[in-house]
Each structure stands twice: as structure tokens, then as C-alpha cells.
Amino acid sequence: MVGITVSENENIDKALKRFKKKYERSGVLKEFKKRTFFVKPSVEKRLEGIKAKRRASRDQAMRDRKSS
């Protein structure tokens, strides 16, 4: 469970912003979206391969930019 403590003189907007950051970093929403529907193992493997290719090409592009 994600929670924050709000001090008496703290602005509510700042507290809400802190909560949102903590919520994002904890991965609650990501986990929820992952569990909303079943993905077959074969589809999951294929998606992981696609993600790996994208990540590799992005990393290669970054290396090419740094070297030039």
C-alpha cells in the first residue's frame, strides 16, 4: 500500500505530487494493467523479443550519436 504523511503546514498540491511520484515508482498501476487480462506465454515471449530489439536499436542509436 502506497502512502505518505502530510505535515500540518505542507501544501496539499505538494503532498499530492509526492504521492503521485511514490505511486508511479512503486509500479502499482503497471502491475494492475498487467493482471487485468491473461497473455499467453507464447505472445509474452514474442513481445519481450520485440521490446529487446527496440531497446537494442535505441541503445545503438545513442552510441552512434555519442561517437559522432
C-alpha atoms as a PDB file:
ATOM      1  CA  MET A   1       0.000   0.000   0.000  1.00  0.00           C
ATOM      2  CA  VAL A   2       1.360   3.380  -1.000  1.00  0.00           C
ATOM      3  CA  GLY A   3       1.034   6.199   1.498  1.00  0.00           C
ATOM      4  CA  ILE A   4       2.619   9.452   2.580  1.00  0.00           C
ATOM      5  CA  THR A   5       2.493  11.516   5.750  1.00  0.00           C
ATOM      6  CA  VAL A   6       1.404  15.109   5.364  1.00  0.00           C
ATOM      7  CA  SER A   7       2.729  17.666   7.841  1.00  0.00           C
ATOM      8  CA  GLU A   8       0.455  20.411   9.144  1.00  0.00           C
ATOM      9  CA  ASN A   9       1.907  23.296   7.143  1.00  0.00           C
ATOM     10  CA  GLU A  10       2.505  21.361   3.928  1.00  0.00           C
ATOM     11  CA  ASN A  11       0.742  22.497   0.789  1.00  0.00           C
ATOM     12  CA  ILE A  12      -1.792  19.917  -0.430  1.00  0.00           C
ATOM     13  CA  ASP A  13      -0.547  20.232  -4.022  1.00  0.00           C
ATOM     14  CA  LYS A  14       2.999  19.316  -2.989  1.00  0.00           C
ATOM     15  CA  ALA A  15       1.715  16.379  -0.939  1.00  0.00           C
ATOM     16  CA  LEU A  16      -0.339  15.147  -3.883  1.00  0.00           C
ATOM     17  CA  LYS A  17       2.677  15.466  -6.176  1.00  0.00           C
ATOM     18  CA  ARG A  18       4.791  13.443  -3.714  1.00  0.00           C
ATOM     19  CA  PHE A  19       2.081  10.784  -3.554  1.00  0.00           C
ATOM     20  CA  LYS A  20       1.843  10.556  -7.352  1.00  0.00           C
ATOM     21  CA  LYS A  21       5.630  10.139  -7.665  1.00  0.00           C
ATOM     22  CA  LYS A  22       5.699   7.447  -4.996  1.00  0.00           C
ATOM     23  CA  TYR A  23       2.742   5.698  -6.656  1.00  0.00           C
ATOM     24  CA  GLU A  24       4.457   5.740 -10.062  1.00  0.00           C
ATOM     25  CA  ARG A  25       7.748   4.412  -8.684  1.00  0.00           C
ATOM     26  CA  SER A  26       6.074   1.585  -6.774  1.00  0.00           C
ATOM     27  CA  GLY A  27       4.695   0.092 -10.005  1.00  0.00           C
ATOM     28  CA  VAL A  28       1.154  -0.444  -8.691  1.00  0.00           C
ATOM     29  CA  LEU A  29      -0.521   0.751 -11.875  1.00  0.00           C
ATOM     30  CA  LYS A  30       1.827  -1.243 -14.080  1.00  0.00           C
ATOM     31  CA  GLU A  31       1.092  -4.396 -12.087  1.00  0.00           C
ATOM     32  CA  PHE A  32      -2.650  -3.724 -12.260  1.00  0.00           C
ATOM     33  CA  LYS A  33      -2.579  -3.327 -16.030  1.00  0.00           C
ATOM     34  CA  LYS A  34      -0.506  -6.498 -16.322  1.00  0.00           C
ATOM     35  CA  ARG A  35      -3.047  -8.515 -14.320  1.00  0.00           C
ATOM     36  CA  THR A  36      -6.224  -7.211 -15.981  1.00  0.00           C
ATOM     37  CA  PHE A  37      -6.080  -9.769 -18.768  1.00  0.00           C
ATOM     38  CA  PHE A  38      -4.269 -13.005 -19.472  1.00  0.00           C
ATOM     39  CA  VAL A  39      -1.460 -13.039 -22.038  1.00  0.00           C
ATOM     40  CA  LYS A  40      -0.454 -16.385 -23.434  1.00  0.00           C
ATOM     41  CA  PRO A  41       3.184 -17.340 -22.764  1.00  0.00           C
ATOM     42  CA  SER A  42       3.955 -17.508 -26.498  1.00  0.00           C
ATOM     43  CA  VAL A  43       2.641 -13.965 -27.019  1.00  0.00           C
ATOM     44  CA  GLU A  44       4.531 -12.756 -23.962  1.00  0.00           C
ATOM     45  CA  LYS A  45       7.806 -14.189 -25.339  1.00  0.00           C
ATOM     46  CA  ARG A  46       7.196 -12.543 -28.694  1.00  0.00           C
ATOM     47  CA  LEU A  47       6.513  -9.168 -27.054  1.00  0.00           C
ATOM     48  CA  GLU A  48       9.674  -9.482 -24.950  1.00  0.00           C
ATOM     49  CA  GLY A  49      11.681 -10.117 -28.120  1.00  0.00           C
ATOM     50  CA  ILE A  50      10.191  -7.053 -29.784  1.00  0.00           C
ATOM     51  CA  LYS A  51      10.982  -4.934 -26.718  1.00  0.00           C
ATOM     52  CA  ALA A  52      14.564  -6.238 -26.666  1.00  0.00           C
ATOM     53  CA  LYS A  53      15.036  -5.337 -30.347  1.00  0.00           C
ATOM     54  CA  ARG A  54      13.703  -1.824 -29.753  1.00  0.00           C
ATOM     55  CA  ARG A  55      15.920  -1.379 -26.716  1.00  0.00           C
ATOM     56  CA  ALA A  56      18.972  -2.600 -28.625  1.00  0.00           C
ATOM     57  CA  SER A  57      18.322  -0.310 -31.580  1.00  0.00           C
ATOM     58  CA  ARG A  58      17.746   2.640 -29.235  1.00  0.00           C
ATOM     59  CA  ASP A  59      20.992   1.895 -27.403  1.00  0.00           C
ATOM     60  CA  GLN A  60      22.850   1.606 -30.707  1.00  0.00           C
ATOM     61  CA  ALA A  61      21.444   4.944 -31.858  1.00  0.00           C
ATOM     62  CA  MET A  62      22.600   6.568 -28.614  1.00  0.00           C
ATOM     63  CA  ARG A  63      26.094   5.111 -29.058  1.00  0.00           C
ATOM     64  CA  ASP A  64      26.217   6.376 -32.636  1.00  0.00           C
ATOM     65  CA  ARG A  65      25.237   9.887 -31.528  1.00  0.00           C
ATOM     66  CA  LYS A  66      27.879   9.942 -28.821  1.00  0.00           C
ATOM     67  CA  SER A  67      30.651   8.799 -31.156  1.00  0.00           C
ATOM     68  CA  SER A  68      29.963  11.440 -33.821  1.00  0.00           C
END
